Amino acid sequence: MNKAKIPVKLPPSLGNAARKLAEEDGVSLDQWVSVAVAQKISSVETAEAFFKRRSQGAGQVDFLEILRNAPDRRPDSGDELASASAR
């Protein structure tokens, strides 16, 4: 297997935490980071597949129906759109 060298700069806090966890797992930092990246890729691809499946067969009419059934109320504190809060 070919291995690509990808230099990554981490903040000291993340680098220290990763080193500590790799040591606790008994693996090299490179191996630990490789597994962490693989896990992240897997979760993103899984989420993408989930939402793609959920959206199949749905169209604009379905979306508009969902919006019509949404309650007409102000957003919870902190959920406002940035442009709306600047007004």
C-alpha atoms as a PDB file:
ATOM      1  CA  MET A   1       0.000   0.000   0.000  1.00  0.00           C
ATOM      2  CA  ASN A   2       1.325   3.421  -0.925  1.00  0.00           C
ATOM      3  CA  LYS A   3       1.304   5.905   1.904  1.00  0.00           C
ATOM      4  CA  ALA A   4       0.891   9.601   1.285  1.00  0.00           C
ATOM      5  CA  LYS A   5       2.766  12.011   3.489  1.00  0.00           C
ATOM      6  CA  ILE A   6       0.427  14.792   4.449  1.00  0.00           C
ATOM      7  CA  PRO A   7       1.916  17.309   6.843  1.00  0.00           C
ATOM      8  CA  VAL A   8      -0.651  18.446   9.358  1.00  0.00           C
ATOM      9  CA  LYS A   9      -0.195  21.251  11.842  1.00  0.00           C
ATOM     10  CA  LEU A  10      -2.208  20.807  15.016  1.00  0.00           C
ATOM     11  CA  PRO A  11      -2.651  23.202  17.893  1.00  0.00           C
ATOM     12  CA  PRO A  12      -0.468  22.070  20.808  1.00  0.00           C
ATOM     13  CA  SER A  13      -3.495  20.998  22.856  1.00  0.00           C
ATOM     14  CA  LEU A  14      -4.704  18.628  20.106  1.00  0.00           C
ATOM     15  CA  GLY A  15      -1.222  17.305  19.412  1.00  0.00           C
ATOM     16  CA  ASN A  16      -0.621  16.596  23.091  1.00  0.00           C
ATOM     17  CA  ALA A  17      -4.000  14.899  23.486  1.00  0.00           C
ATOM     18  CA  ALA A  18      -3.423  12.774  20.365  1.00  0.00           C
ATOM     19  CA  ARG A  19       0.052  11.743  21.560  1.00  0.00           C
ATOM     20  CA  LYS A  20      -1.324  10.792  24.974  1.00  0.00           C
ATOM     21  CA  LEU A  21      -4.170   8.751  23.495  1.00  0.00           C
ATOM     22  CA  ALA A  22      -1.858   7.013  21.012  1.00  0.00           C
ATOM     23  CA  GLU A  23       0.472   6.096  23.857  1.00  0.00           C
ATOM     24  CA  GLU A  24      -2.452   4.780  25.922  1.00  0.00           C
ATOM     25  CA  ASP A  25      -3.557   2.690  22.929  1.00  0.00           C
ATOM     26  CA  GLY A  26      -0.011   1.412  22.427  1.00  0.00           C
ATOM     27  CA  VAL A  27       0.246   2.644  18.850  1.00  0.00           C
ATOM     28  CA  SER A  28       2.297   5.253  17.032  1.00  0.00           C
ATOM     29  CA  LEU A  29       0.923   8.740  16.630  1.00  0.00           C
ATOM     30  CA  ASP A  30       0.805   8.189  12.842  1.00  0.00           C
ATOM     31  CA  GLN A  31      -1.286   5.060  13.274  1.00  0.00           C
ATOM     32  CA  TRP A  32      -3.583   6.725  15.805  1.00  0.00           C
ATOM     33  CA  VAL A  33      -4.160   9.736  13.527  1.00  0.00           C
ATOM     34  CA  SER A  34      -4.764   7.434  10.529  1.00  0.00           C
ATOM     35  CA  VAL A  35      -7.463   5.552  12.432  1.00  0.00           C
ATOM     36  CA  ALA A  36      -9.025   8.811  13.637  1.00  0.00           C
ATOM     37  CA  VAL A  37      -9.185  10.156  10.069  1.00  0.00           C
ATOM     38  CA  ALA A  38     -10.641   6.853   8.818  1.00  0.00           C
ATOM     39  CA  GLN A  39     -13.336   6.987  11.507  1.00  0.00           C
ATOM     40  CA  LYS A  40     -14.238  10.552  10.570  1.00  0.00           C
ATOM     41  CA  ILE A  41     -14.420   9.705   6.857  1.00  0.00           C
ATOM     42  CA  SER A  42     -16.623   6.720   7.661  1.00  0.00           C
ATOM     43  CA  SER A  43     -19.035   8.784   9.751  1.00  0.00           C
ATOM     44  CA  VAL A  44     -19.278  11.537   7.116  1.00  0.00           C
ATOM     45  CA  GLU A  45     -19.857   9.052   4.300  1.00  0.00           C
ATOM     46  CA  THR A  46     -22.428   7.203   6.402  1.00  0.00           C
ATOM     47  CA  ALA A  47     -24.282  10.437   7.168  1.00  0.00           C
ATOM     48  CA  GLU A  48     -24.161  11.441   3.504  1.00  0.00           C
ATOM     49  CA  ALA A  49     -25.611   8.076   2.456  1.00  0.00           C
ATOM     50  CA  PHE A  50     -28.313   8.338   5.136  1.00  0.00           C
ATOM     51  CA  PHE A  51     -29.466  11.773   4.000  1.00  0.00           C
ATOM     52  CA  LYS A  52     -29.292  10.778   0.353  1.00  0.00           C
ATOM     53  CA  ARG A  53     -31.568   7.770   1.053  1.00  0.00           C
ATOM     54  CA  ARG A  54     -33.943   9.930   3.103  1.00  0.00           C
ATOM     55  CA  SER A  55     -34.232  12.499   0.331  1.00  0.00           C
ATOM     56  CA  GLN A  56     -34.998  10.032  -2.457  1.00  0.00           C
ATOM     57  CA  GLY A  57     -38.506  10.434  -3.765  1.00  0.00           C
ATOM     58  CA  ALA A  58     -39.006  13.743  -1.976  1.00  0.00           C
ATOM     59  CA  GLY A  59     -39.659  16.816  -4.015  1.00  0.00           C
ATOM     60  CA  GLN A  60     -40.454  20.484  -3.679  1.00  0.00           C
ATOM     61  CA  VAL A  61     -44.124  19.741  -2.966  1.00  0.00           C
ATOM     62  CA  ASP A  62     -43.106  17.546  -0.004  1.00  0.00           C
ATOM     63  CA  PHE A  63     -40.767  20.254   1.269  1.00  0.00           C
ATOM     64  CA  LEU A  64     -43.422  22.950   1.010  1.00  0.00           C
ATOM     65  CA  GLU A  65     -45.895  20.725   2.880  1.00  0.00           C
ATOM     66  CA  ILE A  66     -43.394  20.339   5.728  1.00  0.00           C
ATOM     67  CA  LEU A  67     -42.939  24.114   5.843  1.00  0.00           C
ATOM     68  CA  ARG A  68     -46.711  24.672   5.905  1.00  0.00           C
ATOM     69  CA  ASN A  69     -46.978  22.388   8.940  1.00  0.00           C
ATOM     70  CA  ALA A  70     -44.124  24.085  10.823  1.00  0.00           C
ATOM     71  CA  PRO A  71     -45.234  26.211  13.771  1.00  0.00           C
ATOM     72  CA  ASP A  72     -45.287  29.956  13.179  1.00  0.00           C
ATOM     73  CA  ARG A  73     -43.177  31.221  16.068  1.00  0.00           C
ATOM     74  CA  ARG A  74     -39.987  33.113  16.727  1.00  0.00           C
ATOM     75  CA  PRO A  75     -36.756  31.073  16.800  1.00  0.00           C
ATOM     76  CA  ASP A  76     -35.410  29.945  20.154  1.00  0.00           C
ATOM     77  CA  SER A  77     -32.725  32.180  21.608  1.00  0.00           C
ATOM     78  CA  GLY A  78     -29.457  31.552  19.772  1.00  0.00           C
ATOM     79  CA  ASP A  79     -31.179  30.005  16.721  1.00  0.00           C
ATOM     80  CA  GLU A  80     -31.808  33.302  14.941  1.00  0.00           C
ATOM     81  CA  LEU A  81     -30.272  33.900  11.529  1.00  0.00           C
ATOM     82  CA  ALA A  82     -27.196  36.108  11.749  1.00  0.00           C
ATOM     83  CA  SER A  83     -28.653  38.563   9.244  1.00  0.00           C
ATOM     84  CA  ALA A  84     -31.925  38.773  11.217  1.00  0.00           C
ATOM     85  CA  SER A  85     -30.193  39.463  14.529  1.00  0.00           C
ATOM     86  CA  ALA A  86     -28.217  42.345  12.982  1.00  0.00           C
ATOM     87  CA  ARG A  87     -31.431  44.227  12.107  1.00  0.00           C
END
